Amino acid sequence: MDIEGVIAVVESCGPERIGFARRLAAQTDRAFISASSAAGSPSPADEAMVLTTWTRRTRGTVVDVPEGIPVTELIGAFAEDPRHTGLLGLVCVVDAAHLLEDLHRDDYVPLRGDTVGDPATPLTARAELTVTQLEYASTIVLVNWMPLPTADLAVTMALVSHLSPRAQLRLQHEAAEHVELREPYRAGQDRAGWMCVLNEEFDPHMTDLRVSTLRYEQPRPLHPDRLRHLLDRIEAGDFGRVIRSAGFCRFATRPGIVAQWLHVGRVISLDPVAEDAELHDDEELLALGQDLAFIGIDLDRPSLTAALDAAALDDTEIAAGPTAWTGFADPFPAWRTADDRSA
């Protein structure tokens, strides 16, 4: 084990996170860095990384990570300078009794390090913070699970395992905390369940008949107005409870652009990530059309697949060609592409 290895503890509900992090530090003889130590920094993730270099405990550090720091930033901060510290574990503490509620929230929070109340302060969906903490975790600890009926607990554990199939999952008891440590995190991560589905490497540790996934592939571009109506139906629960969907898609009205589809609960973002014109000769398309993964409870996969197919262009629309497509109704916000940002 790296003597300066770091274990980061994340979770949206402070008391459970802080208590777990303190106990873990004490029981593993590691230094403890509280969330308040880094919360006021312009770059809390970088500040947490720097603080770990000041400790003298030979067994490393446990960092209590404040709310509002995307885990991707935290992983990047440690991965960029591995000479001093290695992020050996990312522990996500989950309130099992309120997990589904947390994943269905539609409020936004300011990112840490930015001035609260400033109109220019970037906001992020709280549900997106929660789900990515789960997806990138190496260990997920369920607390407050005892009030749940056995059947509900089984669904919750299977859902967590589907969202984060490579994480160690366990229920918290009064016994000593235990976290399995492996190789340090690297900058690029493919731990998320939706990534595993798209990569055909999906193998969750726990399953339940009510929890399932769907991979949807479709080469035809989407009709944006029909997609908007489909998203309303997904939120209404017409196809079961879609907890997470993510992947890549194309709009017929925006040719040559691949968008990343990120959805959790009641929040969705569709942002451009690649332009066909920018590809080099030796590079492949990120996606020809739609390549999406859905994770949910009581999913009606045939109906969802049929509805997705209906949102894509039909034979007549395909035959009309790209010039006609630009005239389709498109209710989504305009995208700023790389060319727009450089202008």
Protein backbone atom coordinates (compact mmCIF):
# COMPACT_ATOMS: atom_id res chain seq x y z
CA MET A 1 0.00 0.00 0.00
CA ASP A 2 1.23 3.52 -0.84
CA ILE A 3 2.15 5.09 2.53
CA GLU A 4 0.73 8.40 1.36
CA GLY A 5 -2.42 6.93 -0.09
CA VAL A 6 -5.63 8.90 0.38
CA ILE A 7 -9.19 7.76 1.01
CA ALA A 8 -11.83 10.34 0.08
CA VAL A 9 -15.30 10.13 1.64
CA VAL A 10 -18.22 11.73 -0.20
CA GLU A 11 -21.97 12.02 0.38
CA SER A 12 -24.61 14.72 0.18
CA CYS A 13 -25.82 14.34 3.77
CA GLY A 14 -23.11 15.78 6.02
CA PRO A 15 -23.55 14.08 9.43
CA GLU A 16 -23.31 10.51 8.11
CA ARG A 17 -20.34 11.37 5.89
CA ILE A 18 -18.40 13.19 8.59
CA GLY A 19 -19.02 10.50 11.20
CA PHE A 20 -17.92 7.72 8.87
CA ALA A 21 -14.80 9.61 7.78
CA ARG A 22 -13.72 10.29 11.38
CA ARG A 23 -14.22 6.67 12.42
CA LEU A 24 -12.38 5.37 9.38
CA ALA A 25 -9.42 7.67 10.05
CA ALA A 26 -9.22 6.63 13.70
CA GLN A 27 -9.54 2.91 13.01
CA THR A 28 -6.98 2.89 10.21
CA ASP A 29 -4.52 5.24 11.96
CA ARG A 30 -4.77 7.82 9.19
CA ALA A 31 -4.79 11.59 9.43
CA PHE A 32 -8.21 13.23 9.08
CA ILE A 33 -8.88 16.31 6.96
CA SER A 34 -12.30 17.87 7.47
CA ALA A 35 -14.50 19.34 4.76
CA SER A 36 -14.22 22.80 6.31
CA SER A 37 -10.45 22.82 5.71
CA ALA A 38 -10.88 22.91 1.94
CA ALA A 39 -14.39 24.30 1.51
CA GLY A 40 -13.35 27.96 1.35
CA SER A 41 -10.67 27.50 -1.27
CA PRO A 42 -11.22 28.76 -4.86
CA SER A 43 -10.37 25.19 -5.89
CA PRO A 44 -11.44 22.84 -3.06
CA ALA A 45 -10.40 19.67 -4.91
CA ASP A 46 -6.85 20.98 -5.40
CA GLU A 47 -6.77 22.28 -1.82
CA ALA A 48 -7.73 18.85 -0.46
CA MET A 49 -4.90 17.30 -2.46
CA VAL A 50 -2.39 19.86 -1.14
CA LEU A 51 -3.52 19.39 2.48
CA THR A 52 -2.84 15.66 2.29
CA THR A 53 0.85 16.37 1.62
CA TRP A 54 1.17 18.14 4.97
CA THR A 55 0.23 15.15 7.11
CA ARG A 56 2.87 12.97 8.71
CA ARG A 57 0.85 9.82 9.26
CA THR A 58 2.69 7.01 7.48
CA ARG A 59 -0.56 5.27 6.62
CA GLY A 60 -1.98 8.25 4.75
CA THR A 61 -5.08 10.39 5.02
CA VAL A 62 -8.86 10.29 5.08
CA VAL A 63 -10.42 13.35 3.45
CA ASP A 64 -13.97 14.40 4.27
CA VAL A 65 -15.03 15.93 0.94
CA PRO A 66 -17.48 18.86 1.16
CA GLU A 67 -20.70 18.88 -0.83
CA GLY A 68 -20.55 20.65 -4.18
CA ILE A 69 -17.26 19.22 -5.45
CA PRO A 70 -17.79 17.00 -8.51
CA VAL A 71 -15.96 13.72 -7.96
CA THR A 72 -14.42 14.00 -11.43
CA GLU A 73 -12.60 17.14 -10.29
CA LEU A 74 -11.45 15.40 -7.13
CA ILE A 75 -10.11 12.40 -9.04
CA GLY A 76 -8.40 14.71 -11.53
CA ALA A 77 -6.69 16.71 -8.81
CA PHE A 78 -5.06 13.61 -7.32
CA ALA A 79 -4.32 11.94 -10.65
CA GLU A 80 -2.51 14.97 -12.07
CA ASP A 81 0.22 14.92 -9.40
CA PRO A 82 0.74 11.31 -8.26
CA ARG A 83 4.24 12.06 -6.90
CA HIS A 84 2.85 13.15 -3.55
CA THR A 85 -0.47 11.36 -3.05
CA GLY A 86 -2.49 8.61 -4.64
CA LEU A 87 -6.25 8.39 -4.35
CA LEU A 88 -6.60 4.75 -3.27
CA GLY A 89 -10.29 4.81 -2.40
CA LEU A 90 -13.41 6.87 -3.02
CA VAL A 91 -16.03 5.97 -0.43
CA CYS A 92 -19.62 7.06 -1.03
CA VAL A 93 -21.83 7.02 2.08
CA VAL A 94 -25.48 6.59 1.04
CA ASP A 95 -28.64 7.14 3.07
CA ALA A 96 -30.48 4.05 1.85
CA ALA A 97 -33.89 5.20 3.09
CA HIS A 98 -33.73 8.41 1.02
CA LEU A 99 -31.66 7.37 -2.01
CA LEU A 100 -34.52 7.27 -4.52
CA GLU A 101 -35.72 10.64 -3.30
CA ASP A 102 -32.22 12.10 -3.63
CA LEU A 103 -31.89 10.80 -7.19
CA HIS A 104 -35.24 12.38 -8.11
CA ARG A 105 -34.47 15.91 -6.87
CA ASP A 106 -34.54 18.73 -9.40
CA ASP A 107 -32.79 21.50 -7.44
CA TYR A 108 -29.39 22.97 -8.29
CA VAL A 109 -26.48 23.89 -6.05
CA PRO A 110 -23.47 26.19 -6.63
CA LEU A 111 -20.19 24.46 -7.22
CA ARG A 112 -17.76 24.78 -4.32
CA GLY A 113 -15.11 27.43 -4.69
CA ASP A 114 -17.45 29.85 -6.44
CA THR A 115 -19.15 32.79 -4.79
CA VAL A 116 -22.64 31.88 -3.62
CA GLY A 117 -25.17 34.43 -4.89
CA ASP A 118 -23.01 35.59 -7.80
CA PRO A 119 -25.15 35.37 -10.99
CA ALA A 120 -22.12 33.96 -12.82
CA THR A 121 -21.59 31.13 -10.33
CA PRO A 122 -21.87 27.76 -12.12
CA LEU A 123 -24.68 25.55 -10.85
CA THR A 124 -24.97 21.81 -10.98
CA ALA A 125 -27.93 19.52 -10.38
CA ARG A 126 -27.84 17.99 -6.92
CA ALA A 127 -29.09 14.68 -8.32
CA GLU A 128 -26.23 14.64 -10.84
CA LEU A 129 -23.71 15.16 -8.03
CA THR A 130 -25.29 12.30 -6.11
CA VAL A 131 -25.37 9.82 -8.98
CA THR A 132 -21.78 10.51 -10.08
CA GLN A 133 -20.58 10.01 -6.51
CA LEU A 134 -22.12 6.55 -6.69
CA GLU A 135 -20.81 5.82 -10.18
CA TYR A 136 -17.19 6.69 -9.44
CA ALA A 137 -17.01 5.18 -5.95
CA SER A 138 -14.72 2.27 -5.14
CA THR A 139 -16.75 1.49 -2.00
CA ILE A 140 -20.41 2.30 -1.30
CA VAL A 141 -21.62 2.13 2.29
CA LEU A 142 -25.37 2.07 2.93
CA VAL A 143 -26.45 3.73 6.17
CA ASN A 144 -29.98 4.09 7.58
CA TRP A 145 -30.94 0.84 5.85
CA MET A 146 -32.57 -1.00 8.75
CA PRO A 147 -36.01 0.71 8.46
CA LEU A 148 -36.40 -0.56 4.89
CA PRO A 149 -38.49 -3.70 4.29
CA THR A 150 -36.38 -6.56 2.98
CA ALA A 151 -37.82 -6.32 -0.54
CA ASP A 152 -37.14 -2.57 -0.74
CA LEU A 153 -33.61 -3.03 0.57
CA ALA A 154 -32.96 -5.69 -2.08
CA VAL A 155 -34.13 -3.28 -4.82
CA THR A 156 -31.99 -0.47 -3.40
CA MET A 157 -28.88 -2.61 -3.24
CA ALA A 158 -29.43 -3.93 -6.77
CA LEU A 159 -29.97 -0.40 -8.08
CA VAL A 160 -26.74 0.82 -6.48
CA SER A 161 -24.90 -2.17 -7.93
CA HIS A 162 -26.31 -1.38 -11.39
CA LEU A 163 -25.28 2.27 -11.14
CA SER A 164 -21.80 1.34 -9.92
CA PRO A 165 -21.07 -2.31 -10.82
CA ARG A 166 -17.36 -2.13 -9.95
CA ALA A 167 -17.81 -0.74 -6.45
CA GLN A 168 -17.64 -2.78 -3.26
CA LEU A 169 -21.11 -2.54 -1.68
CA ARG A 170 -21.81 -3.12 1.99
CA LEU A 171 -24.24 -2.30 4.79
CA GLN A 172 -22.92 -0.28 7.70
CA HIS A 173 -22.94 -2.01 11.07
CA GLU A 174 -21.52 -1.00 14.43
CA ALA A 175 -18.36 -2.97 13.75
CA ALA A 176 -15.11 -1.37 12.63
CA GLU A 177 -15.20 0.34 9.27
CA HIS A 178 -13.52 -1.49 6.41
CA VAL A 179 -12.59 -0.17 2.99
CA GLU A 180 -10.92 -2.29 0.34
CA LEU A 181 -8.02 -0.41 -1.25
CA ARG A 182 -6.75 -1.09 -4.74
CA GLU A 183 -4.68 0.69 -7.34
CA PRO A 184 -4.77 4.52 -7.25
CA TYR A 185 -7.41 6.23 -9.34
CA ARG A 186 -6.30 7.45 -12.74
CA ALA A 187 -7.67 10.46 -14.61
CA GLY A 188 -9.79 8.45 -17.07
CA GLN A 189 -12.56 6.39 -15.47
CA ASP A 190 -15.06 3.93 -16.92
CA ARG A 191 -16.60 2.72 -13.65
CA ALA A 192 -20.12 4.08 -14.18
CA GLY A 193 -22.79 1.48 -14.87
CA TRP A 194 -23.97 3.20 -18.03
CA MET A 195 -20.42 3.18 -19.40
CA CYS A 196 -20.13 -0.51 -18.63
CA VAL A 197 -23.40 -1.17 -20.49
CA LEU A 198 -22.19 0.68 -23.59
CA ASN A 199 -18.79 -1.05 -23.40
CA GLU A 200 -20.48 -4.46 -22.99
CA GLU A 201 -18.67 -4.96 -19.67
CA PHE A 202 -21.70 -4.75 -17.38
CA ASP A 203 -21.63 -7.31 -14.57
CA PRO A 204 -23.31 -6.02 -11.36
CA HIS A 205 -22.61 -7.85 -8.12
CA MET A 206 -26.25 -7.71 -7.00
CA THR A 207 -29.43 -8.16 -9.00
CA ASP A 208 -33.17 -8.00 -8.42
CA LEU A 209 -36.01 -8.86 -10.80
CA ARG A 210 -37.31 -5.29 -10.55
CA VAL A 211 -34.01 -3.63 -11.51
CA SER A 212 -32.84 -3.80 -15.11
CA THR A 213 -30.92 -2.07 -17.89
CA LEU A 214 -31.52 -1.36 -21.56
CA ARG A 215 -28.98 -0.54 -24.22
CA TYR A 216 -30.57 1.36 -27.09
CA GLU A 217 -28.82 1.72 -30.44
CA GLN A 218 -30.31 3.54 -33.43
CA PRO A 219 -28.41 4.94 -36.43
CA ARG A 220 -31.17 7.38 -37.42
CA PRO A 221 -31.02 10.87 -35.86
CA LEU A 222 -33.66 12.06 -33.44
CA HIS A 223 -36.51 14.43 -34.17
CA PRO A 224 -36.04 16.98 -31.33
CA ASP A 225 -39.71 17.82 -30.85
CA ARG A 226 -40.70 14.16 -30.59
CA LEU A 227 -37.79 13.63 -28.21
CA ARG A 228 -39.11 16.37 -25.93
CA HIS A 229 -42.48 14.62 -25.69
CA LEU A 230 -40.72 11.31 -25.03
CA LEU A 231 -38.72 12.83 -22.17
CA ASP A 232 -41.99 14.04 -20.62
CA ARG A 233 -43.31 10.49 -20.77
CA ILE A 234 -40.13 9.10 -19.22
CA GLU A 235 -40.41 11.57 -16.32
CA ALA A 236 -44.09 10.67 -15.89
CA GLY A 237 -43.13 7.01 -15.44
CA ASP A 238 -44.85 5.67 -18.57
CA PHE A 239 -42.07 3.07 -19.00
CA GLY A 240 -41.36 2.31 -15.35
CA ARG A 241 -39.01 4.32 -13.19
CA VAL A 242 -35.99 5.37 -15.23
CA ILE A 243 -33.36 6.28 -12.66
CA ARG A 244 -30.37 6.91 -14.92
CA SER A 245 -29.86 7.15 -18.64
CA ALA A 246 -26.73 8.30 -20.41
CA GLY A 247 -24.81 7.94 -23.62
CA PHE A 248 -24.61 9.70 -26.96
CA CYS A 249 -27.16 10.98 -29.46
CA ARG A 250 -27.67 13.09 -32.59
CA PHE A 251 -30.38 15.60 -33.47
CA ALA A 252 -31.55 15.75 -37.09
CA THR A 253 -31.67 19.56 -36.82
CA ARG A 254 -28.02 19.78 -35.75
CA PRO A 255 -26.09 17.73 -38.32
CA GLY A 256 -22.51 16.66 -37.76
CA ILE A 257 -22.64 17.01 -33.97
CA VAL A 258 -22.65 14.25 -31.35
CA ALA A 259 -24.24 15.18 -28.03
CA GLN A 260 -23.76 13.58 -24.65
CA TRP A 261 -27.03 12.54 -23.02
CA LEU A 262 -26.89 12.64 -19.20
CA HIS A 263 -30.12 12.10 -17.30
CA VAL A 264 -30.94 11.29 -13.70
CA GLY A 265 -34.42 11.40 -12.19
CA ARG A 266 -35.99 14.68 -13.33
CA VAL A 267 -32.83 16.31 -14.71
CA ILE A 268 -31.34 15.91 -18.18
CA SER A 269 -28.52 17.62 -20.03
CA LEU A 270 -27.81 17.32 -23.75
CA ASP A 271 -24.52 18.96 -24.66
CA PRO A 272 -22.26 18.74 -27.74
CA VAL A 273 -19.11 16.69 -27.24
CA ALA A 274 -17.81 16.01 -30.76
CA GLU A 275 -18.08 17.39 -34.27
CA ASP A 276 -17.64 15.16 -37.31
CA ALA A 277 -15.72 17.88 -39.14
CA GLU A 278 -13.07 17.95 -36.41
CA LEU A 279 -12.21 14.24 -36.73
CA HIS A 280 -8.77 13.24 -37.97
CA ASP A 281 -8.38 10.51 -40.58
CA ASP A 282 -7.38 7.91 -37.95
CA GLU A 283 -10.26 8.74 -35.54
CA GLU A 284 -13.62 7.00 -35.37
CA LEU A 285 -17.03 8.58 -34.86
CA LEU A 286 -18.00 8.76 -31.20
CA ALA A 287 -21.47 7.59 -32.19
CA LEU A 288 -23.17 7.06 -35.54
CA GLY A 289 -26.59 7.82 -34.09
CA GLN A 290 -27.98 6.92 -30.68
CA ASP A 291 -26.07 4.76 -28.20
CA LEU A 292 -27.82 5.02 -24.84
CA ALA A 293 -27.96 3.05 -21.60
CA PHE A 294 -31.02 3.07 -19.34
CA ILE A 295 -31.06 1.87 -15.72
CA GLY A 296 -34.29 1.70 -13.78
CA ILE A 297 -36.89 -0.04 -11.69
CA ASP A 298 -39.80 -1.97 -13.25
CA LEU A 299 -38.71 -0.91 -16.73
CA ASP A 300 -41.02 -1.71 -19.64
CA ARG A 301 -38.15 -2.23 -22.04
CA PRO A 302 -40.20 -3.13 -25.17
CA SER A 303 -42.39 -0.02 -24.80
CA LEU A 304 -39.42 2.22 -24.09
CA THR A 305 -37.58 0.86 -27.13
CA ALA A 306 -40.64 1.44 -29.33
CA ALA A 307 -41.02 4.99 -28.03
CA LEU A 308 -37.36 5.73 -28.71
CA ASP A 309 -37.73 4.36 -32.23
CA ALA A 310 -40.73 6.63 -32.75
CA ALA A 311 -38.62 9.65 -31.73
CA ALA A 312 -36.13 8.90 -34.51
CA LEU A 313 -36.73 9.96 -38.11
CA ASP A 314 -39.09 7.76 -40.11
CA ASP A 315 -38.55 6.58 -43.71
CA THR A 316 -40.22 9.62 -45.27
CA GLU A 317 -38.20 12.04 -43.15
CA ILE A 318 -34.96 10.24 -43.91
CA ALA A 319 -35.71 10.41 -47.64
CA ALA A 320 -36.36 14.19 -47.40
CA GLY A 321 -32.70 14.73 -46.55
CA PRO A 322 -30.70 17.01 -44.23
CA THR A 323 -31.91 20.26 -45.82
CA ALA A 324 -35.49 19.41 -44.85
CA TRP A 325 -34.42 18.30 -41.37
CA THR A 326 -33.22 21.79 -40.46
CA GLY A 327 -36.84 22.94 -40.65
CA PHE A 328 -38.07 20.53 -37.96
CA ALA A 329 -39.27 21.99 -34.65
CA ASP A 330 -36.41 22.02 -32.14
CA PRO A 331 -37.39 23.13 -28.61
CA PHE A 332 -33.98 22.54 -27.01
CA PRO A 333 -31.52 25.34 -26.17
CA ALA A 334 -28.92 26.18 -28.80
CA TRP A 335 -25.54 24.48 -28.46
CA ARG A 336 -22.26 26.34 -28.38
CA THR A 337 -19.86 24.31 -30.48
CA ALA A 338 -16.08 24.61 -30.54
CA ASP A 339 -16.33 27.06 -33.46
CA ASP A 340 -18.78 29.24 -31.51
CA ARG A 341 -16.53 29.35 -28.45
CA SER A 342 -13.47 30.34 -30.50
CA ALA A 343 -15.28 33.19 -32.27
